[in-house]
Amino acid sequence: MILHIPHASTYIPPDLRASIVLSNADLARELLVMTDHYTDELFMSAAQPGDAVIRAPVSRLLVDMERFEIDAQEPMANLGMGVIYTRTHDGEVLRSQPTLYERERLLAEYYAPQHAALAAAVKDSVLRTGRALVLDCHSFPEKALPFELDQLANRRDICLGADEYHTPDGLLDLARDVFLRHGYSVAVNTPFAGCLVPIGSYQKDKRVQGLMIEVNRGLYMDEGVACA
């Protein structure tokens, strides 16, 4: 099993802080709202020996590992939230449009290594076991943020994201049943849909399976308090 944890980090390297125009207080608020706090701890506590864990080293405010690298392929880029964010969760300016040099540097230092590590872990699992399972590990706010497409008020405890090609029905049913047996409410592909697999395997290799698990932050944290 490969755990992909893309949004748990709040780290912004000091030399990149100047690219963000927010005050320190506003940046702290944006990190509080946009980070999938504690998902590394939540999901890694269930990891077994031999499982691979791929964690983003920097905040998604710098580089979002879950976005398509090319903005023309990424719907969220229209909101200034493509692979490199230029807008905040409520539409304010986060940073100016990156120059070509800035963009290439960020992608080379963070995005490319993250996806290379994911692809390598998947390849290794397929070679060893004949298949690979990528769990895409996230959390989501109890109340929808302004940029989210799904603004339904009553959010479930757990959102499972499935892909028609890479998520077998049996895997989805198993995950849903486990959460339901433990008393959690479950929705599929709402408020978020789909799951991440390496681009080289996407829609090409059914041995590579994927499932996104999103945990409602209201279950485990006070969303108004920043992480230590």
Protein backbone atom coordinates (compact mmCIF):
# COMPACT_ATOMS: atom_id res chain seq x y z
CA MET A 1 0.00 0.00 0.00
CA ILE A 2 1.22 3.51 -0.81
CA LEU A 3 0.03 6.41 1.33
CA HIS A 4 0.12 9.71 -0.53
CA ILE A 5 -0.14 12.66 1.88
CA PRO A 6 0.02 15.89 -0.15
CA HIS A 7 -1.49 18.62 2.02
CA ALA A 8 -0.34 18.07 5.62
CA SER A 9 2.69 20.36 5.55
CA THR A 10 2.63 23.99 6.67
CA TYR A 11 6.28 24.58 5.83
CA ILE A 12 7.26 27.48 3.61
CA PRO A 13 11.04 27.82 3.14
CA PRO A 14 12.27 31.23 4.33
CA ASP A 15 13.70 32.09 0.91
CA LEU A 16 10.26 31.59 -0.66
CA ARG A 17 8.26 33.51 1.95
CA ALA A 18 8.77 36.79 0.09
CA SER A 19 6.86 35.47 -2.93
CA ILE A 20 3.68 35.46 -0.82
CA VAL A 21 2.17 38.93 -0.36
CA LEU A 22 0.05 38.10 2.70
CA SER A 23 0.95 39.49 6.10
CA ASN A 24 2.18 36.98 8.65
CA ALA A 25 -1.23 36.96 10.33
CA ASP A 26 -3.10 36.45 7.07
CA LEU A 27 -0.66 33.73 6.00
CA ALA A 28 -1.20 31.92 9.30
CA ARG A 29 -4.96 32.09 8.70
CA GLU A 30 -4.59 30.77 5.15
CA LEU A 31 -2.42 27.89 6.35
CA LEU A 32 -4.97 27.10 9.05
CA VAL A 33 -7.79 26.94 6.51
CA MET A 34 -6.02 25.22 3.64
CA THR A 35 -3.82 22.62 5.36
CA ASP A 36 -4.98 19.04 5.87
CA HIS A 37 -3.78 19.20 9.46
CA TYR A 38 -2.58 16.01 11.15
CA THR A 39 -3.35 13.78 8.16
CA ASP A 40 0.22 12.48 8.28
CA GLU A 41 -0.34 11.36 11.87
CA LEU A 42 -3.84 10.03 11.22
CA PHE A 43 -2.97 7.88 8.25
CA MET A 44 0.54 6.85 9.18
CA SER A 45 -0.76 5.42 12.44
CA ALA A 46 -2.47 2.75 10.33
CA ALA A 47 0.51 2.04 8.08
CA GLN A 48 1.96 -1.45 8.08
CA PRO A 49 5.61 -2.49 7.70
CA GLY A 50 6.52 -2.30 4.05
CA ASP A 51 3.96 0.39 3.20
CA ALA A 52 5.37 3.39 1.36
CA VAL A 53 4.59 6.90 2.56
CA ILE A 54 4.95 9.84 0.16
CA ARG A 55 4.58 13.19 1.93
CA ALA A 56 4.82 16.66 0.46
CA PRO A 57 7.67 18.58 2.11
CA VAL A 58 6.11 22.03 1.66
CA SER A 59 2.72 23.66 1.96
CA ARG A 60 0.25 23.39 -0.88
CA LEU A 61 0.26 27.20 -0.93
CA LEU A 62 3.63 26.93 -2.70
CA VAL A 63 3.04 23.83 -4.84
CA ASP A 64 -0.06 21.65 -4.86
CA MET A 65 1.02 18.08 -5.59
CA GLU A 66 -2.55 17.06 -6.43
CA ARG A 67 -2.98 19.43 -9.36
CA PHE A 68 -2.14 18.74 -12.97
CA GLU A 69 1.23 20.24 -13.84
CA ILE A 70 -0.17 22.02 -16.91
CA ASP A 71 -2.69 24.72 -16.01
CA ALA A 72 -4.68 24.14 -19.20
CA GLN A 73 -5.50 20.66 -17.87
CA GLU A 74 -6.34 21.81 -14.35
CA PRO A 75 -9.86 23.20 -13.71
CA MET A 76 -8.82 24.88 -10.45
CA ALA A 77 -6.27 26.99 -12.31
CA ASN A 78 -9.17 29.20 -13.41
CA LEU A 79 -9.57 30.17 -9.74
CA GLY A 80 -5.88 30.89 -9.26
CA MET A 81 -5.42 27.54 -7.54
CA GLY A 82 -3.56 25.46 -10.09
CA VAL A 83 -0.31 23.72 -9.32
CA ILE A 84 1.07 27.06 -8.08
CA TYR A 85 -1.54 29.11 -6.23
CA THR A 86 -1.94 32.82 -6.92
CA ARG A 87 -5.20 33.24 -4.96
CA THR A 88 -6.34 32.43 -1.44
CA HIS A 89 -9.32 30.30 -0.45
CA ASP A 90 -11.54 33.41 -0.55
CA GLY A 91 -10.17 34.84 -3.79
CA GLU A 92 -7.64 37.36 -2.43
CA VAL A 93 -4.20 37.71 -3.99
CA LEU A 94 -1.75 35.20 -2.52
CA ARG A 95 1.16 35.93 -4.81
CA SER A 96 1.83 37.39 -8.26
CA GLN A 97 1.94 35.14 -11.28
CA PRO A 98 5.23 33.25 -11.08
CA THR A 99 7.79 33.94 -13.73
CA LEU A 100 8.80 31.07 -15.97
CA TYR A 101 11.98 30.69 -13.90
CA GLU A 102 10.05 30.66 -10.60
CA ARG A 103 7.56 28.14 -11.93
CA GLU A 104 10.23 25.79 -13.27
CA ARG A 105 12.20 26.03 -10.03
CA LEU A 106 9.20 25.16 -7.84
CA LEU A 107 8.16 22.27 -10.05
CA ALA A 108 11.71 20.92 -10.28
CA GLU A 109 12.41 21.17 -6.55
CA TYR A 110 9.10 19.90 -5.19
CA TYR A 111 6.51 18.69 -7.71
CA ALA A 112 8.73 16.48 -9.87
CA PRO A 113 10.43 14.65 -6.95
CA GLN A 114 7.08 14.04 -5.25
CA HIS A 115 5.58 12.43 -8.34
CA ALA A 116 8.76 10.54 -9.14
CA ALA A 117 8.71 9.03 -5.65
CA LEU A 118 5.05 8.08 -6.05
CA ALA A 119 5.67 6.48 -9.45
CA ALA A 120 8.69 4.57 -8.08
CA ALA A 121 6.70 3.24 -5.14
CA VAL A 122 3.89 2.11 -7.42
CA LYS A 123 6.32 0.44 -9.82
CA ASP A 124 8.04 -1.36 -6.95
CA SER A 125 4.72 -2.62 -5.58
CA VAL A 126 3.60 -3.89 -8.99
CA LEU A 127 6.90 -5.70 -9.50
CA ARG A 128 6.77 -7.31 -6.05
CA THR A 129 3.08 -8.12 -5.71
CA GLY A 130 1.49 -7.71 -9.13
CA ARG A 131 -0.54 -4.68 -8.09
CA ALA A 132 -0.37 -1.38 -6.23
CA LEU A 133 -2.88 0.42 -4.05
CA VAL A 134 -2.53 4.20 -3.64
CA LEU A 135 -4.46 5.73 -0.76
CA ASP A 136 -4.83 9.45 -1.34
CA CYS A 137 -4.95 10.87 2.21
CA HIS A 138 -6.81 14.11 2.96
CA SER A 139 -9.05 15.99 5.32
CA PHE A 140 -11.71 18.61 4.62
CA PRO A 141 -13.32 21.47 6.56
CA GLU A 142 -16.65 20.91 8.24
CA LYS A 143 -18.05 23.91 6.35
CA ALA A 144 -17.36 24.45 2.66
CA LEU A 145 -14.78 27.05 1.70
CA PRO A 146 -15.72 29.71 -0.89
CA PHE A 147 -13.68 28.16 -3.72
CA GLU A 148 -15.15 24.67 -3.36
CA LEU A 149 -17.52 23.53 -6.09
CA ASP A 150 -19.68 21.54 -3.66
CA GLN A 151 -21.30 23.97 -1.20
CA LEU A 152 -23.71 21.54 0.47
CA ALA A 153 -24.09 22.39 4.14
CA ASN A 154 -24.48 18.91 5.59
CA ARG A 155 -21.16 17.19 5.08
CA ARG A 156 -20.58 13.57 5.98
CA ASP A 157 -17.82 12.34 8.28
CA ILE A 158 -15.93 10.60 5.51
CA CYS A 159 -15.65 11.29 1.80
CA LEU A 160 -14.39 8.47 -0.40
CA GLY A 161 -13.06 9.51 -3.77
CA ALA A 162 -13.23 6.89 -6.50
CA ASP A 163 -12.14 6.66 -10.11
CA GLU A 164 -14.12 4.52 -12.55
CA TYR A 165 -10.95 2.99 -13.97
CA HIS A 166 -8.69 2.67 -10.93
CA THR A 167 -11.13 2.02 -8.06
CA PRO A 168 -12.65 -1.48 -8.12
CA ASP A 169 -16.18 -1.73 -6.77
CA GLY A 170 -15.01 -4.21 -4.15
CA LEU A 171 -12.41 -1.81 -2.79
CA LEU A 172 -14.91 1.03 -2.58
CA ASP A 173 -17.52 -1.18 -0.92
CA LEU A 174 -15.00 -2.47 1.61
CA ALA A 175 -13.86 1.01 2.61
CA ARG A 176 -17.43 2.28 2.89
CA ASP A 177 -18.50 -0.70 4.99
CA VAL A 178 -15.56 -0.34 7.38
CA PHE A 179 -16.36 3.28 8.12
CA LEU A 180 -20.09 2.64 8.41
CA ARG A 181 -19.48 -0.22 10.87
CA HIS A 182 -17.54 2.20 13.06
CA GLY A 183 -20.43 4.63 13.12
CA TYR A 184 -19.24 7.20 10.60
CA SER A 185 -21.41 8.69 7.87
CA VAL A 186 -19.95 8.22 4.39
CA ALA A 187 -20.33 9.89 1.00
CA VAL A 188 -18.74 8.89 -2.29
CA ASN A 189 -17.25 11.54 -4.58
CA THR A 190 -18.77 14.40 -2.58
CA PRO A 191 -17.70 16.98 -1.63
CA PHE A 192 -14.55 15.88 -3.47
CA ALA A 193 -14.19 13.31 -6.21
CA GLY A 194 -11.60 11.04 -7.76
CA CYS A 195 -8.23 9.82 -6.57
CA LEU A 196 -4.60 10.20 -7.50
CA VAL A 197 -2.46 7.64 -9.32
CA PRO A 198 0.81 8.31 -11.17
CA ILE A 199 0.20 10.00 -14.50
CA GLY A 200 2.11 7.23 -16.28
CA SER A 201 -0.44 4.69 -15.02
CA TYR A 202 -3.55 6.83 -15.30
CA GLN A 203 -6.24 5.13 -17.39
CA LYS A 204 -3.60 2.66 -18.60
CA ASP A 205 -2.88 0.05 -15.93
CA LYS A 206 -5.64 -1.56 -13.86
CA ARG A 207 -3.03 -3.18 -11.63
CA VAL A 208 -2.69 0.30 -10.14
CA GLN A 209 -5.65 0.92 -7.87
CA GLY A 210 -6.55 4.13 -6.08
CA LEU A 211 -8.88 5.43 -3.41
CA MET A 212 -9.10 8.87 -1.83
CA ILE A 213 -10.02 9.07 1.84
CA GLU A 214 -11.09 12.48 3.13
CA VAL A 215 -11.74 12.90 6.87
CA ASN A 216 -13.99 15.68 8.15
CA ARG A 217 -11.78 17.88 10.34
CA GLY A 218 -14.65 18.43 12.74
CA LEU A 219 -14.12 14.85 13.90
CA TYR A 220 -10.65 15.36 15.28
CA MET A 221 -9.65 19.02 15.65
CA ASP A 222 -10.77 22.53 16.51
CA GLU A 223 -10.67 24.19 13.09
CA GLY A 224 -10.21 27.61 14.65
CA VAL A 225 -6.92 26.72 16.32
CA ALA A 226 -3.63 26.51 14.43
CA CYS A 227 -1.37 23.50 14.77
CA ALA A 228 1.59 23.84 17.06
